[in-house]
PDB file of N, CA and C in Angstrom:
ATOM      1  N   MET A   1       6.030   5.905  -2.232  1.00  0.00           N
ATOM      2  CA  MET A   1       5.311   4.734  -1.651  1.00  0.00           C
ATOM      3  C   MET A   1       4.415   5.251  -0.550  1.00  0.00           C
ATOM      4  N   GLY A   2       3.176   4.825  -0.559  1.00  0.00           N
ATOM      5  CA  GLY A   2       2.221   5.167   0.470  1.00  0.00           C
ATOM      6  C   GLY A   2       2.069   4.068   1.482  1.00  0.00           C
ATOM      7  N   PHE A   3       1.648   4.464   2.644  1.00  0.00           N
ATOM      8  CA  PHE A   3       1.448   3.516   3.728  1.00  0.00           C
ATOM      9  C   PHE A   3       0.094   3.814   4.469  1.00  0.00           C
ATOM     10  N   LEU A   4      -0.604   2.777   4.820  1.00  0.00           N
ATOM     11  CA  LEU A   4      -1.878   2.961   5.556  1.00  0.00           C
ATOM     12  C   LEU A   4      -2.080   1.821   6.542  1.00  0.00           C
ATOM     13  N   ARG A   5      -2.560   2.133   7.704  1.00  0.00           N
ATOM     14  CA  ARG A   5      -2.892   1.143   8.656  1.00  0.00           C
ATOM     15  C   ARG A   5      -4.172   1.561   9.338  1.00  0.00           C
ATOM     16  N   LEU A   6      -5.188   0.681   9.328  1.00  0.00           N
ATOM     17  CA  LEU A   6      -6.445   1.034   9.953  1.00  0.00           C
ATOM     18  C   LEU A   6      -6.628   0.245  11.214  1.00  0.00           C
ATOM     19  N   VAL A   7      -7.168   0.900  12.283  1.00  0.00           N
ATOM     20  CA  VAL A   7      -7.465   0.241  13.534  1.00  0.00           C
ATOM     21  C   VAL A   7      -9.059  -0.069  13.506  1.00  0.00           C
ATOM     22  N   GLY A   8      -9.379  -1.293  13.733  1.00  0.00           N
ATOM     23  CA  GLY A   8     -10.807  -1.674  13.828  1.00  0.00           C
ATOM     24  C   GLY A   8     -11.350  -1.972  12.488  1.00  0.00           C
ATOM     25  N   ALA A   9     -10.551  -2.288  11.501  1.00  0.00           N
ATOM     26  CA  ALA A   9     -11.138  -2.583  10.206  1.00  0.00           C
ATOM     27  C   ALA A   9     -11.061  -4.145   9.984  1.00  0.00           C
ATOM     28  N   GLN A  10     -10.946  -4.939  10.928  1.00  0.00           N
ATOM     29  CA  GLN A  10     -11.046  -6.362  10.778  1.00  0.00           C
ATOM     30  C   GLN A  10     -12.307  -6.762  10.192  1.00  0.00           C
ATOM     31  N   GLY A  11     -12.308  -7.725   9.267  1.00  0.00           N
ATOM     32  CA  GLY A  11     -13.543  -8.168   8.624  1.00  0.00           C
ATOM     33  C   GLY A  11     -13.914  -7.364   7.426  1.00  0.00           C
ATOM     34  N   TYR A  12     -13.076  -6.455   6.974  1.00  0.00           N
ATOM     35  CA  TYR A  12     -13.331  -5.625   5.823  1.00  0.00           C
ATOM     36  C   TYR A  12     -12.227  -5.837   4.717  1.00  0.00           C
ATOM     37  N   ARG A  13     -12.617  -5.588   3.507  1.00  0.00           N
ATOM     38  CA  ARG A  13     -11.643  -5.434   2.351  1.00  0.00           C
ATOM     39  C   ARG A  13     -11.408  -3.881   2.242  1.00  0.00           C
ATOM     40  N   VAL A  14     -10.204  -3.562   1.838  1.00  0.00           N
ATOM     41  CA  VAL A  14      -9.833  -2.101   1.705  1.00  0.00           C
ATOM     42  C   VAL A  14      -9.363  -1.867   0.339  1.00  0.00           C
ATOM     43  N   GLN A  15      -9.777  -0.800  -0.264  1.00  0.00           N
ATOM     44  CA  GLN A  15      -9.306  -0.286  -1.511  1.00  0.00           C
ATOM     45  C   GLN A  15      -8.825   1.238  -1.259  1.00  0.00           C
ATOM     46  N   VAL A  16      -7.748   1.599  -1.918  1.00  0.00           N
ATOM     47  CA  VAL A  16      -7.263   3.040  -1.762  1.00  0.00           C
ATOM     48  C   VAL A  16      -7.295   3.590  -3.175  1.00  0.00           C
ATOM     49  N   TRP A  17      -7.877   4.787  -3.241  1.00  0.00           N
ATOM     50  CA  TRP A  17      -7.985   5.555  -4.463  1.00  0.00           C
ATOM     51  C   TRP A  17      -7.406   6.948  -4.344  1.00  0.00           C
ATOM     52  N   LEU A  18      -6.819   7.506  -5.370  1.00  0.00           N
ATOM     53  CA  LEU A  18      -6.361   8.837  -5.461  1.00  0.00           C
ATOM     54  C   LEU A  18      -7.146   9.658  -6.491  1.00  0.00           C
ATOM     55  N   CYS A  19      -7.738  10.669  -6.030  1.00  0.00           N
ATOM     56  CA  CYS A  19      -8.617  11.501  -6.943  1.00  0.00           C
ATOM     57  C   CYS A  19      -8.187  12.901  -7.102  1.00  0.00           C
ATOM     58  N   GLN A  20      -8.392  13.470  -8.300  1.00  0.00           N
ATOM     59  CA  GLN A  20      -8.308  14.847  -8.523  1.00  0.00           C
ATOM     60  C   GLN A  20      -9.530  15.138  -9.353  1.00  0.00           C
ATOM     61  N   LYS A  21      -9.476  15.172 -10.706  1.00  0.00           N
ATOM     62  CA  LYS A  21     -10.698  15.221 -11.445  1.00  0.00           C
ATOM     63  C   LYS A  21     -11.288  13.830 -11.590  1.00  0.00           C
ATOM     64  N   ASP A  22     -10.441  12.890 -11.836  1.00  0.00           N
ATOM     65  CA  ASP A  22     -10.798  11.452 -11.968  1.00  0.00           C
ATOM     66  C   ASP A  22     -10.173  10.787 -10.835  1.00  0.00           C
ATOM     67  N   CYS A  23     -10.604   9.549 -10.573  1.00  0.00           N
ATOM     68  CA  CYS A  23      -9.971   8.743  -9.542  1.00  0.00           C
ATOM     69  C   CYS A  23      -9.291   7.514 -10.181  1.00  0.00           C
ATOM     70  N   GLN A  24      -8.151   7.157  -9.503  1.00  0.00           N
ATOM     71  CA  GLN A  24      -7.522   5.926  -9.931  1.00  0.00           C
ATOM     72  C   GLN A  24      -7.101   5.140  -8.728  1.00  0.00           C
ATOM     73  N   ARG A  25      -7.275   3.838  -8.804  1.00  0.00           N
ATOM     74  CA  ARG A  25      -7.006   2.948  -7.650  1.00  0.00           C
ATOM     75  C   ARG A  25      -5.403   2.833  -7.596  1.00  0.00           C
ATOM     76  N   VAL A  26      -4.947   2.997  -6.376  1.00  0.00           N
ATOM     77  CA  VAL A  26      -3.452   2.736  -6.187  1.00  0.00           C
ATOM     78  C   VAL A  26      -3.359   1.428  -5.446  1.00  0.00           C
ATOM     79  N   GLY A  27      -2.576   0.489  -5.966  1.00  0.00           N
ATOM     80  CA  GLY A  27      -2.554  -0.855  -5.393  1.00  0.00           C
ATOM     81  C   GLY A  27      -3.763  -1.595  -5.823  1.00  0.00           C
ATOM     82  N   TRP A  28      -4.133  -2.668  -5.205  1.00  0.00           N
ATOM     83  CA  TRP A  28      -5.261  -3.405  -5.555  1.00  0.00           C
ATOM     84  C   TRP A  28      -6.276  -3.509  -4.399  1.00  0.00           C
ATOM     85  N   GLU A  29      -6.165  -4.509  -3.567  1.00  0.00           N
ATOM     86  CA  GLU A  29      -7.093  -4.641  -2.418  1.00  0.00           C
ATOM     87  C   GLU A  29      -6.394  -5.391  -1.345  1.00  0.00           C
ATOM     88  N   TRP A  30      -6.701  -4.929  -0.040  1.00  0.00           N
ATOM     89  CA  TRP A  30      -6.071  -5.522   1.103  1.00  0.00           C
ATOM     90  C   TRP A  30      -7.127  -5.992   2.080  1.00  0.00           C
ATOM     91  N   ARG A  31      -6.747  -6.800   3.030  1.00  0.00           N
ATOM     92  CA  ARG A  31      -7.528  -7.117   4.168  1.00  0.00           C
ATOM     93  C   ARG A  31      -7.454  -5.992   5.141  1.00  0.00           C
ATOM     94  N   GLY A  32      -8.519  -5.633   5.837  1.00  0.00           N
ATOM     95  CA  GLY A  32      -8.503  -4.495   6.690  1.00  0.00           C
ATOM     96  C   GLY A  32      -7.603  -4.640   7.925  1.00  0.00           C
ATOM     97  N   ASP A  33      -7.264  -5.821   8.334  1.00  0.00           N
ATOM     98  CA  ASP A  33      -6.453  -5.917   9.496  1.00  0.00           C
ATOM     99  C   ASP A  33      -4.932  -6.073   9.224  1.00  0.00           C
ATOM    100  N   GLU A  34      -4.480  -5.770   8.008  1.00  0.00           N
ATOM    101  CA  GLU A  34      -3.062  -5.781   7.718  1.00  0.00           C
ATOM    102  C   GLU A  34      -2.571  -4.465   7.214  1.00  0.00           C
ATOM    103  N   PRO A  35      -1.270  -4.093   7.393  1.00  0.00           N
ATOM    104  CA  PRO A  35      -0.744  -2.821   6.928  1.00  0.00           C
ATOM    105  C   PRO A  35      -0.886  -2.797   5.357  1.00  0.00           C
ATOM    106  N   MET A  36      -1.055  -1.700   4.751  1.00  0.00           N
ATOM    107  CA  MET A  36      -1.187  -1.503   3.334  1.00  0.00           C
ATOM    108  C   MET A  36      -0.122  -0.631   2.850  1.00  0.00           C
ATOM    109  N   TYR A  37       0.661  -1.165   1.877  1.00  0.00           N
ATOM    110  CA  TYR A  37       1.726  -0.378   1.168  1.00  0.00           C
ATOM    111  C   TYR A  37       1.302  -0.366  -0.264  1.00  0.00           C
ATOM    112  N   PHE A  38       1.391   0.873  -0.836  1.00  0.00           N
ATOM    113  CA  PHE A  38       0.969   0.989  -2.174  1.00  0.00           C
ATOM    114  C   PHE A  38       1.863   2.032  -2.912  1.00  0.00           C
ATOM    115  N   PRO A  39       2.067   1.750  -4.230  1.00  0.00           N
ATOM    116  CA  PRO A  39       2.860   2.664  -5.045  1.00  0.00           C
ATOM    117  C   PRO A  39       2.060   3.895  -5.398  1.00  0.00           C
ATOM    118  N   LEU A  40       2.677   5.057  -5.396  1.00  0.00           N
ATOM    119  CA  LEU A  40       1.975   6.284  -5.848  1.00  0.00           C
ATOM    120  C   LEU A  40       2.367   6.530  -7.338  1.00  0.00           C
ATOM    121  N   PRO A  41       1.439   6.929  -8.124  1.00  0.00           N
ATOM    122  CA  PRO A  41       1.711   7.156  -9.562  1.00  0.00           C
ATOM    123  C   PRO A  41       2.984   8.152  -9.717  1.00  0.00           C
ATOM    124  N   GLN A  42       3.811   7.799 -10.642  1.00  0.00           N
ATOM    125  CA  GLN A  42       5.034   8.558 -10.857  1.00  0.00           C
ATOM    126  C   GLN A  42       4.765   9.922 -11.603  1.00  0.00           C
ATOM    127  N   ASP A  43       3.788   9.950 -12.475  1.00  0.00           N
ATOM    128  CA  ASP A  43       3.613  11.080 -13.357  1.00  0.00           C
ATOM    129  C   ASP A  43       2.541  12.132 -12.847  1.00  0.00           C
ATOM    130  N   LEU A  44       2.302  12.098 -11.575  1.00  0.00           N
ATOM    131  CA  LEU A  44       1.293  13.073 -11.035  1.00  0.00           C
ATOM    132  C   LEU A  44       1.836  14.492 -11.039  1.00  0.00           C
ATOM    133  N   PRO A  45       0.986  15.446 -11.605  1.00  0.00           N
ATOM    134  CA  PRO A  45       1.304  16.815 -11.452  1.00  0.00           C
ATOM    135  C   PRO A  45       1.167  17.293 -10.002  1.00  0.00           C
ATOM    136  N   LYS A  46       1.848  18.344  -9.601  1.00  0.00           N
ATOM    137  CA  LYS A  46       1.695  18.885  -8.361  1.00  0.00           C
ATOM    138  C   LYS A  46       0.244  19.461  -8.187  1.00  0.00           C
ATOM    139  N   GLY A  47      -0.271  19.386  -6.987  1.00  0.00           N
ATOM    140  CA  GLY A  47      -1.664  19.881  -6.790  1.00  0.00           C
ATOM    141  C   GLY A  47      -2.306  19.250  -5.589  1.00  0.00           C
ATOM    142  N   GLU A  48      -3.569  19.496  -5.407  1.00  0.00           N
ATOM    143  CA  GLU A  48      -4.320  18.976  -4.295  1.00  0.00           C
ATOM    144  C   GLU A  48      -5.084  17.688  -4.841  1.00  0.00           C
ATOM    145  N   TYR A  49      -5.041  16.640  -4.020  1.00  0.00           N
ATOM    146  CA  TYR A  49      -5.783  15.395  -4.294  1.00  0.00           C
ATOM    147  C   TYR A  49      -6.558  14.953  -3.172  1.00  0.00           C
ATOM    148  N   ARG A  50      -7.438  14.004  -3.388  1.00  0.00           N
ATOM    149  CA  ARG A  50      -8.195  13.345  -2.293  1.00  0.00           C
ATOM    150  C   ARG A  50      -7.745  11.889  -2.278  1.00  0.00           C
ATOM    151  N   LEU A  51      -7.361  11.498  -1.141  1.00  0.00           N
ATOM    152  CA  LEU A  51      -7.021  10.081  -0.899  1.00  0.00           C
ATOM    153  C   LEU A  51      -8.286   9.432  -0.321  1.00  0.00           C
ATOM    154  N   ARG A  52      -8.874   8.475  -1.013  1.00  0.00           N
ATOM    155  CA  ARG A  52     -10.138   7.820  -0.640  1.00  0.00           C
ATOM    156  C   ARG A  52      -9.796   6.436  -0.255  1.00  0.00           C
ATOM    157  N   VAL A  53     -10.280   6.084   0.978  1.00  0.00           N
ATOM    158  CA  VAL A  53     -10.138   4.688   1.438  1.00  0.00           C
ATOM    159  C   VAL A  53     -11.501   4.106   1.529  1.00  0.00           C
ATOM    160  N   LEU A  54     -11.728   2.994   0.842  1.00  0.00           N
ATOM    161  CA  LEU A  54     -13.065   2.332   0.770  1.00  0.00           C
ATOM    162  C   LEU A  54     -12.979   1.043   1.569  1.00  0.00           C
ATOM    163  N   LEU A  55     -13.868   0.881   2.543  1.00  0.00           N
ATOM    164  CA  LEU A  55     -14.036  -0.339   3.285  1.00  0.00           C
ATOM    165  C   LEU A  55     -15.251  -1.063   2.701  1.00  0.00           C
ATOM    166  N   LEU A  56     -14.996  -2.230   2.302  1.00  0.00           N
ATOM    167  CA  LEU A  56     -16.045  -3.112   1.665  1.00  0.00           C
ATOM    168  C   LEU A  56     -16.211  -4.360   2.586  1.00  0.00           C
ATOM    169  N   SER A  57     -17.344  -5.012   2.555  1.00  0.00           N
ATOM    170  CA  SER A  57     -17.540  -6.165   3.369  1.00  0.00           C
ATOM    171  C   SER A  57     -16.645  -7.300   2.715  1.00  0.00           C
ATOM    172  N   GLN A  58     -16.542  -8.365   3.553  1.00  0.00           N
ATOM    173  CA  GLN A  58     -15.711  -9.488   3.115  1.00  0.00           C
ATOM    174  C   GLN A  58     -16.196 -10.235   1.940  1.00  0.00           C
ATOM    175  N   HIS A  59     -17.526 -10.199   1.587  1.00  0.00           N
ATOM    176  CA  HIS A  59     -18.041 -10.900   0.510  1.00  0.00           C
ATOM    177  C   HIS A  59     -17.378 -10.472  -0.755  1.00  0.00           C
ATOM    178  N   ARG A  60     -16.832 -11.325  -1.511  1.00  0.00           N
ATOM    179  CA  ARG A  60     -16.063 -10.985  -2.742  1.00  0.00           C
ATOM    180  C   ARG A  60     -16.883 -10.241  -3.811  1.00  0.00           C
ATOM    181  N   LEU A  61     -18.215 -10.425  -3.764  1.00  0.00           N
ATOM    182  CA  LEU A  61     -19.071  -9.789  -4.773  1.00  0.00           C
ATOM    183  C   LEU A  61     -19.528  -8.376  -4.311  1.00  0.00           C
ATOM    184  N   ALA A  62     -19.185  -8.041  -3.073  1.00  0.00           N
ATOM    185  CA  ALA A  62     -19.667  -6.646  -2.582  1.00  0.00           C
ATOM    186  C   ALA A  62     -18.902  -5.566  -3.288  1.00  0.00           C
ATOM    187  N   LEU A  63     -19.672  -4.694  -3.966  1.00  0.00           N
ATOM    188  CA  LEU A  63     -19.093  -3.602  -4.762  1.00  0.00           C
ATOM    189  C   LEU A  63     -19.293  -2.227  -4.095  1.00  0.00           C
ATOM    190  N   ARG A  64     -20.324  -2.111  -3.365  1.00  0.00           N
ATOM    191  CA  ARG A  64     -20.674  -0.814  -2.678  1.00  0.00           C
ATOM    192  C   ARG A  64     -19.907  -0.784  -1.409  1.00  0.00           C
ATOM    193  N   PRO A  65     -19.203   0.340  -1.060  1.00  0.00           N
ATOM    194  CA  PRO A  65     -18.437   0.435   0.204  1.00  0.00           C
ATOM    195  C   PRO A  65     -19.412   0.557   1.336  1.00  0.00           C
ATOM    196  N   ARG A  66     -18.995   0.001   2.432  1.00  0.00           N
ATOM    197  CA  ARG A  66     -19.693   0.244   3.688  1.00  0.00           C
ATOM    198  C   ARG A  66     -19.303   1.550   4.354  1.00  0.00           C
ATOM    199  N   TYR A  67     -18.000   1.918   4.192  1.00  0.00           N
ATOM    200  CA  TYR A  67     -17.570   3.204   4.676  1.00  0.00           C
ATOM    201  C   TYR A  67     -16.646   3.756   3.657  1.00  0.00           C
ATOM    202  N   VAL A  68     -16.536   5.076   3.670  1.00  0.00           N
ATOM    203  CA  VAL A  68     -15.576   5.801   2.837  1.00  0.00           C
ATOM    204  C   VAL A  68     -14.909   6.854   3.676  1.00  0.00           C
ATOM    205  N   LEU A  69     -13.559   6.761   3.706  1.00  0.00           N
ATOM    206  CA  LEU A  69     -12.731   7.727   4.428  1.00  0.00           C
ATOM    207  C   LEU A  69     -11.998   8.553   3.408  1.00  0.00           C
ATOM    208  N   GLU A  70     -12.050   9.930   3.536  1.00  0.00           N
ATOM    209  CA  GLU A  70     -11.349  10.796   2.615  1.00  0.00           C
ATOM    210  C   GLU A  70     -10.430  11.748   3.350  1.00  0.00           C
ATOM    211  N   LYS A  71      -9.318  12.015   2.724  1.00  0.00           N
ATOM    212  CA  LYS A  71      -8.355  12.990   3.289  1.00  0.00           C
ATOM    213  C   LYS A  71      -7.741  13.808   2.164  1.00  0.00           C
ATOM    214  N   GLU A  72      -7.718  15.143   2.300  1.00  0.00           N
ATOM    215  CA  GLU A  72      -6.997  15.983   1.273  1.00  0.00           C
ATOM    216  C   GLU A  72      -5.536  15.892   1.423  1.00  0.00           C
ATOM    217  N   VAL A  73      -4.859  15.676   0.337  1.00  0.00           N
ATOM    218  CA  VAL A  73      -3.354  15.528   0.339  1.00  0.00           C
ATOM    219  C   VAL A  73      -2.822  16.474  -0.691  1.00  0.00           C
ATOM    220  N   ARG A  74      -1.607  16.920  -0.551  1.00  0.00           N
ATOM    221  CA  ARG A  74      -0.931  17.894  -1.518  1.00  0.00           C
ATOM    222  C   ARG A  74       0.356  17.116  -1.960  1.00  0.00           C
ATOM    223  N   TRP A  75       0.606  17.287  -3.269  1.00  0.00           N
ATOM    224  CA  TRP A  75       1.807  16.778  -3.825  1.00  0.00           C
ATOM    225  C   TRP A  75       2.762  17.921  -4.159  1.00  0.00           C
TER     226      TRP A  75
END
């Protein structure tokens, strides 16, 4: 289980992605001012991944992120 909490993300929608060669969304979408809990895929091989956090505007049709935060993680 993954956990993420952002400070100052009020007014944004948040998506969390896990990337290696391809990216897959973990969880669905959260409001930026609430804690985010998301399941991690069970069948991941060990290795290095990028955890990508996308901040999108509140408008439900906004598809392009306003901000992208990335962190390298190891399994």
